[in-house]
Amino acid sequence: MNIEQVAKDYELATKKFLDAVASFPQSNLDQPKKDGWNARQVIHHLADSESQSCARLRRLIAEPGTTIQGYDENKWANSQTLGYKELPIEASLALFKASRESSLLLIKRLTPEQLNNVGTHTESGEYSVKKWIETYTRHPQEHAEQLLAD
């Protein structure tokens, strides 16, 4: 795994999601998609997911062997207090951007050995920096496609 290429791919995934949001009609933010979530919920989900991922990467780098806590994204999406169904998206977009930029800076500093740092994810078991990179490069791309799908 080439760190320079990984960083470029991660950055492109960020851009793909932000481009999808920018091209999405604001008037359709609350229209449910095929999976039941609407674009507003997807955007809030990405912000929360990325803020969690940012902390996960730091733990894997600084504390190999750590436990990575999972969470129930559907409970978060349906939480009245978290407001996925009605809060404006601007703060979540800012959180998404800041989390991605912060993680990108760390990705660029990784050594090849650190790719093998491993923790234990509470839901999926062994979880390495390499797996983290693969997951969080793919995740915003999948949601960009979700936003752009009919």
C-alpha atoms as a PDB file:
ATOM      1  CA  MET A   1       0.000   0.000   0.000  1.00  0.00           C
ATOM      2  CA  ASN A   2       1.570   3.254  -1.193  1.00  0.00           C
ATOM      3  CA  ILE A   3       0.935   6.034   1.359  1.00  0.00           C
ATOM      4  CA  GLU A   4       1.050   8.785  -1.264  1.00  0.00           C
ATOM      5  CA  GLN A   5      -1.564   7.019  -3.415  1.00  0.00           C
ATOM      6  CA  VAL A   6      -3.690   6.214  -0.364  1.00  0.00           C
ATOM      7  CA  ALA A   7      -3.718   9.898   0.567  1.00  0.00           C
ATOM      8  CA  LYS A   8      -4.738  10.908  -2.976  1.00  0.00           C
ATOM      9  CA  ASP A   9      -7.541   8.328  -3.038  1.00  0.00           C
ATOM     10  CA  TYR A  10      -8.777   9.459   0.377  1.00  0.00           C
ATOM     11  CA  GLU A  11      -8.765  13.092  -0.758  1.00  0.00           C
ATOM     12  CA  LEU A  12     -10.626  12.219  -3.964  1.00  0.00           C
ATOM     13  CA  ALA A  13     -13.280  10.384  -1.943  1.00  0.00           C
ATOM     14  CA  THR A  14     -13.786  13.530   0.137  1.00  0.00           C
ATOM     15  CA  LYS A  15     -14.168  15.623  -3.014  1.00  0.00           C
ATOM     16  CA  LYS A  16     -16.589  13.134  -4.562  1.00  0.00           C
ATOM     17  CA  PHE A  17     -18.927  13.391  -1.575  1.00  0.00           C
ATOM     18  CA  LEU A  18     -18.704  17.184  -1.354  1.00  0.00           C
ATOM     19  CA  ASP A  19     -19.346  17.479  -5.106  1.00  0.00           C
ATOM     20  CA  ALA A  20     -22.398  15.237  -4.753  1.00  0.00           C
ATOM     21  CA  VAL A  21     -23.740  17.421  -1.939  1.00  0.00           C
ATOM     22  CA  ALA A  22     -23.067  20.600  -3.932  1.00  0.00           C
ATOM     23  CA  SER A  23     -24.958  19.253  -6.930  1.00  0.00           C
ATOM     24  CA  PHE A  24     -27.859  17.963  -4.850  1.00  0.00           C
ATOM     25  CA  PRO A  25     -30.971  20.178  -5.004  1.00  0.00           C
ATOM     26  CA  GLN A  26     -31.509  21.775  -1.581  1.00  0.00           C
ATOM     27  CA  SER A  27     -35.249  21.498  -2.161  1.00  0.00           C
ATOM     28  CA  ASN A  28     -34.909  17.682  -2.129  1.00  0.00           C
ATOM     29  CA  LEU A  29     -32.912  17.345   1.099  1.00  0.00           C
ATOM     30  CA  ASP A  30     -35.859  15.810   2.928  1.00  0.00           C
ATOM     31  CA  GLN A  31     -37.074  13.511   0.165  1.00  0.00           C
ATOM     32  CA  PRO A  32     -36.481   9.864   1.186  1.00  0.00           C
ATOM     33  CA  LYS A  33     -34.065   7.834  -0.922  1.00  0.00           C
ATOM     34  CA  LYS A  34     -34.703   4.173  -1.805  1.00  0.00           C
ATOM     35  CA  ASP A  35     -33.116   2.966   1.442  1.00  0.00           C
ATOM     36  CA  GLY A  36     -35.400   5.202   3.521  1.00  0.00           C
ATOM     37  CA  TRP A  37     -32.880   7.870   4.524  1.00  0.00           C
ATOM     38  CA  ASN A  38     -33.045  11.322   2.987  1.00  0.00           C
ATOM     39  CA  ALA A  39     -30.076  13.432   1.884  1.00  0.00           C
ATOM     40  CA  ARG A  40     -30.166  15.495   5.080  1.00  0.00           C
ATOM     41  CA  GLN A  41     -29.796  12.311   7.149  1.00  0.00           C
ATOM     42  CA  VAL A  42     -26.978  11.058   4.911  1.00  0.00           C
ATOM     43  CA  ILE A  43     -25.046  14.312   5.325  1.00  0.00           C
ATOM     44  CA  HIS A  44     -25.455  14.311   9.118  1.00  0.00           C
ATOM     45  CA  HIS A  45     -24.471  10.637   9.186  1.00  0.00           C
ATOM     46  CA  LEU A  46     -21.280  11.315   7.227  1.00  0.00           C
ATOM     47  CA  ALA A  47     -20.319  14.102   9.624  1.00  0.00           C
ATOM     48  CA  ASP A  48     -20.789  11.879  12.666  1.00  0.00           C
ATOM     49  CA  SER A  49     -19.124   8.924  10.992  1.00  0.00           C
ATOM     50  CA  GLU A  50     -16.087  10.988  10.047  1.00  0.00           C
ATOM     51  CA  SER A  51     -15.741  12.541  13.486  1.00  0.00           C
ATOM     52  CA  GLN A  52     -15.798   8.997  14.928  1.00  0.00           C
ATOM     53  CA  SER A  53     -13.329   7.781  12.305  1.00  0.00           C
ATOM     54  CA  CYS A  54     -10.948  10.628  13.060  1.00  0.00           C
ATOM     55  CA  ALA A  55     -10.757   9.485  16.685  1.00  0.00           C
ATOM     56  CA  ARG A  56     -10.449   5.844  15.634  1.00  0.00           C
ATOM     57  CA  LEU A  57      -7.434   6.558  13.446  1.00  0.00           C
ATOM     58  CA  ARG A  58      -5.712   8.398  16.268  1.00  0.00           C
ATOM     59  CA  ARG A  59      -6.330   5.516  18.661  1.00  0.00           C
ATOM     60  CA  LEU A  60      -4.997   2.978  16.179  1.00  0.00           C
ATOM     61  CA  ILE A  61      -1.849   5.049  15.627  1.00  0.00           C
ATOM     62  CA  ALA A  62      -1.130   6.003  19.232  1.00  0.00           C
ATOM     63  CA  GLU A  63      -2.587   2.980  21.046  1.00  0.00           C
ATOM     64  CA  PRO A  64      -2.195  -0.211  19.022  1.00  0.00           C
ATOM     65  CA  GLY A  65      -4.280  -2.959  20.604  1.00  0.00           C
ATOM     66  CA  THR A  66      -7.009  -0.491  21.532  1.00  0.00           C
ATOM     67  CA  THR A  67     -10.748  -1.153  21.396  1.00  0.00           C
ATOM     68  CA  ILE A  68     -12.638   0.648  18.637  1.00  0.00           C
ATOM     69  CA  GLN A  69     -16.225   1.272  19.711  1.00  0.00           C
ATOM     70  CA  GLY A  70     -18.951   0.718  17.132  1.00  0.00           C
ATOM     71  CA  TYR A  71     -22.282   2.533  17.105  1.00  0.00           C
ATOM     72  CA  ASP A  72     -25.764   2.002  15.698  1.00  0.00           C
ATOM     73  CA  GLU A  73     -26.031   4.463  12.812  1.00  0.00           C
ATOM     74  CA  ASN A  74     -29.796   3.990  12.524  1.00  0.00           C
ATOM     75  CA  LYS A  75     -30.311   4.952  16.169  1.00  0.00           C
ATOM     76  CA  TRP A  76     -28.186   8.029  15.593  1.00  0.00           C
ATOM     77  CA  ALA A  77     -30.161   8.897  12.438  1.00  0.00           C
ATOM     78  CA  ASN A  78     -33.451   8.578  14.319  1.00  0.00           C
ATOM     79  CA  SER A  79     -32.390  10.379  17.503  1.00  0.00           C
ATOM     80  CA  GLN A  80     -34.545  13.460  18.058  1.00  0.00           C
ATOM     81  CA  THR A  81     -31.723  15.214  19.871  1.00  0.00           C
ATOM     82  CA  LEU A  82     -29.145  14.562  17.142  1.00  0.00           C
ATOM     83  CA  GLY A  83     -31.629  16.084  14.692  1.00  0.00           C
ATOM     84  CA  TYR A  84     -30.692  14.243  11.522  1.00  0.00           C
ATOM     85  CA  LYS A  85     -34.190  14.853  10.147  1.00  0.00           C
ATOM     86  CA  GLU A  86     -34.369  18.602  10.649  1.00  0.00           C
ATOM     87  CA  LEU A  87     -31.101  20.320  11.543  1.00  0.00           C
ATOM     88  CA  PRO A  88     -29.404  22.442   8.880  1.00  0.00           C
ATOM     89  CA  ILE A  89     -26.562  20.678   7.079  1.00  0.00           C
ATOM     90  CA  GLU A  90     -23.939  23.451   7.215  1.00  0.00           C
ATOM     91  CA  ALA A  91     -22.430  22.516  10.597  1.00  0.00           C
ATOM     92  CA  SER A  92     -22.316  18.857   9.604  1.00  0.00           C
ATOM     93  CA  LEU A  93     -20.583  19.691   6.329  1.00  0.00           C
ATOM     94  CA  ALA A  94     -18.016  21.736   8.266  1.00  0.00           C
ATOM     95  CA  LEU A  95     -17.472  18.817  10.657  1.00  0.00           C
ATOM     96  CA  PHE A  96     -17.112  16.405   7.730  1.00  0.00           C
ATOM     97  CA  LYS A  97     -14.549  18.653   6.025  1.00  0.00           C
ATOM     98  CA  ALA A  98     -12.548  19.269   9.208  1.00  0.00           C
ATOM     99  CA  SER A  99     -12.517  15.584  10.168  1.00  0.00           C
ATOM    100  CA  ARG A 100     -11.427  14.503   6.697  1.00  0.00           C
ATOM    101  CA  GLU A 101      -8.705  17.155   6.496  1.00  0.00           C
ATOM    102  CA  SER A 102      -7.396  16.238   9.938  1.00  0.00           C
ATOM    103  CA  SER A 103      -7.292  12.537   9.061  1.00  0.00           C
ATOM    104  CA  LEU A 104      -5.654  13.267   5.709  1.00  0.00           C
ATOM    105  CA  LEU A 105      -2.810  15.054   7.474  1.00  0.00           C
ATOM    106  CA  LEU A 106      -2.223  11.947   9.582  1.00  0.00           C
ATOM    107  CA  ILE A 107      -2.474   9.574   6.617  1.00  0.00           C
ATOM    108  CA  LYS A 108       0.314  11.512   4.919  1.00  0.00           C
ATOM    109  CA  ARG A 109       2.502  11.006   8.014  1.00  0.00           C
ATOM    110  CA  LEU A 110       1.951   7.257   8.343  1.00  0.00           C
ATOM    111  CA  THR A 111       4.875   4.891   8.082  1.00  0.00           C
ATOM    112  CA  PRO A 112       4.416   1.600   6.208  1.00  0.00           C
ATOM    113  CA  GLU A 113       4.719  -0.225   9.547  1.00  0.00           C
ATOM    114  CA  GLN A 114       1.830   1.752  11.044  1.00  0.00           C
ATOM    115  CA  LEU A 115      -0.519   0.375   8.390  1.00  0.00           C
ATOM    116  CA  ASN A 116      -0.387  -2.858  10.364  1.00  0.00           C
ATOM    117  CA  ASN A 117      -1.321  -1.296  13.717  1.00  0.00           C
ATOM    118  CA  VAL A 118      -4.346  -3.248  14.910  1.00  0.00           C
ATOM    119  CA  GLY A 119      -7.132  -2.734  17.390  1.00  0.00           C
ATOM    120  CA  THR A 120     -10.356  -4.614  18.027  1.00  0.00           C
ATOM    121  CA  HIS A 121     -13.613  -3.197  16.690  1.00  0.00           C
ATOM    122  CA  THR A 122     -16.558  -4.057  18.927  1.00  0.00           C
ATOM    123  CA  GLU A 123     -18.654  -5.139  15.934  1.00  0.00           C
ATOM    124  CA  SER A 124     -16.203  -6.372  13.288  1.00  0.00           C
ATOM    125  CA  GLY A 125     -13.247  -7.725  15.234  1.00  0.00           C
ATOM    126  CA  GLU A 126      -9.646  -7.111  14.171  1.00  0.00           C
ATOM    127  CA  TYR A 127      -9.323  -3.613  12.771  1.00  0.00           C
ATOM    128  CA  SER A 128      -6.071  -2.278  11.307  1.00  0.00           C
ATOM    129  CA  VAL A 129      -5.013   1.124  10.049  1.00  0.00           C
ATOM    130  CA  LYS A 130      -5.027  -0.427   6.567  1.00  0.00           C
ATOM    131  CA  LYS A 131      -8.653  -1.530   7.031  1.00  0.00           C
ATOM    132  CA  TRP A 132      -9.515   1.921   8.401  1.00  0.00           C
ATOM    133  CA  ILE A 133      -8.101   3.518   5.241  1.00  0.00           C
ATOM    134  CA  GLU A 134     -10.014   1.158   2.960  1.00  0.00           C
ATOM    135  CA  THR A 135     -13.259   1.693   4.884  1.00  0.00           C
ATOM    136  CA  TYR A 136     -13.100   5.475   5.081  1.00  0.00           C
ATOM    137  CA  THR A 137     -11.954   5.900   1.499  1.00  0.00           C
ATOM    138  CA  ARG A 138     -14.926   3.856   0.309  1.00  0.00           C
ATOM    139  CA  HIS A 139     -17.574   5.203   2.738  1.00  0.00           C
ATOM    140  CA  PRO A 140     -18.067   8.774   1.406  1.00  0.00           C
ATOM    141  CA  GLN A 141     -17.973   7.491  -2.162  1.00  0.00           C
ATOM    142  CA  GLU A 142     -20.807   5.076  -1.422  1.00  0.00           C
ATOM    143  CA  HIS A 143     -22.856   7.870   0.111  1.00  0.00           C
ATOM    144  CA  ALA A 144     -22.094  10.198  -2.813  1.00  0.00           C
ATOM    145  CA  GLU A 145     -23.541   7.533  -5.092  1.00  0.00           C
ATOM    146  CA  GLN A 146     -26.519   7.184  -2.748  1.00  0.00           C
ATOM    147  CA  LEU A 147     -27.214  10.925  -2.982  1.00  0.00           C
ATOM    148  CA  LEU A 148     -26.981  10.936  -6.762  1.00  0.00           C
ATOM    149  CA  ALA A 149     -29.121   7.825  -7.279  1.00  0.00           C
ATOM    150  CA  ASP A 150     -32.798   8.212  -8.074  1.00  0.00           C
END
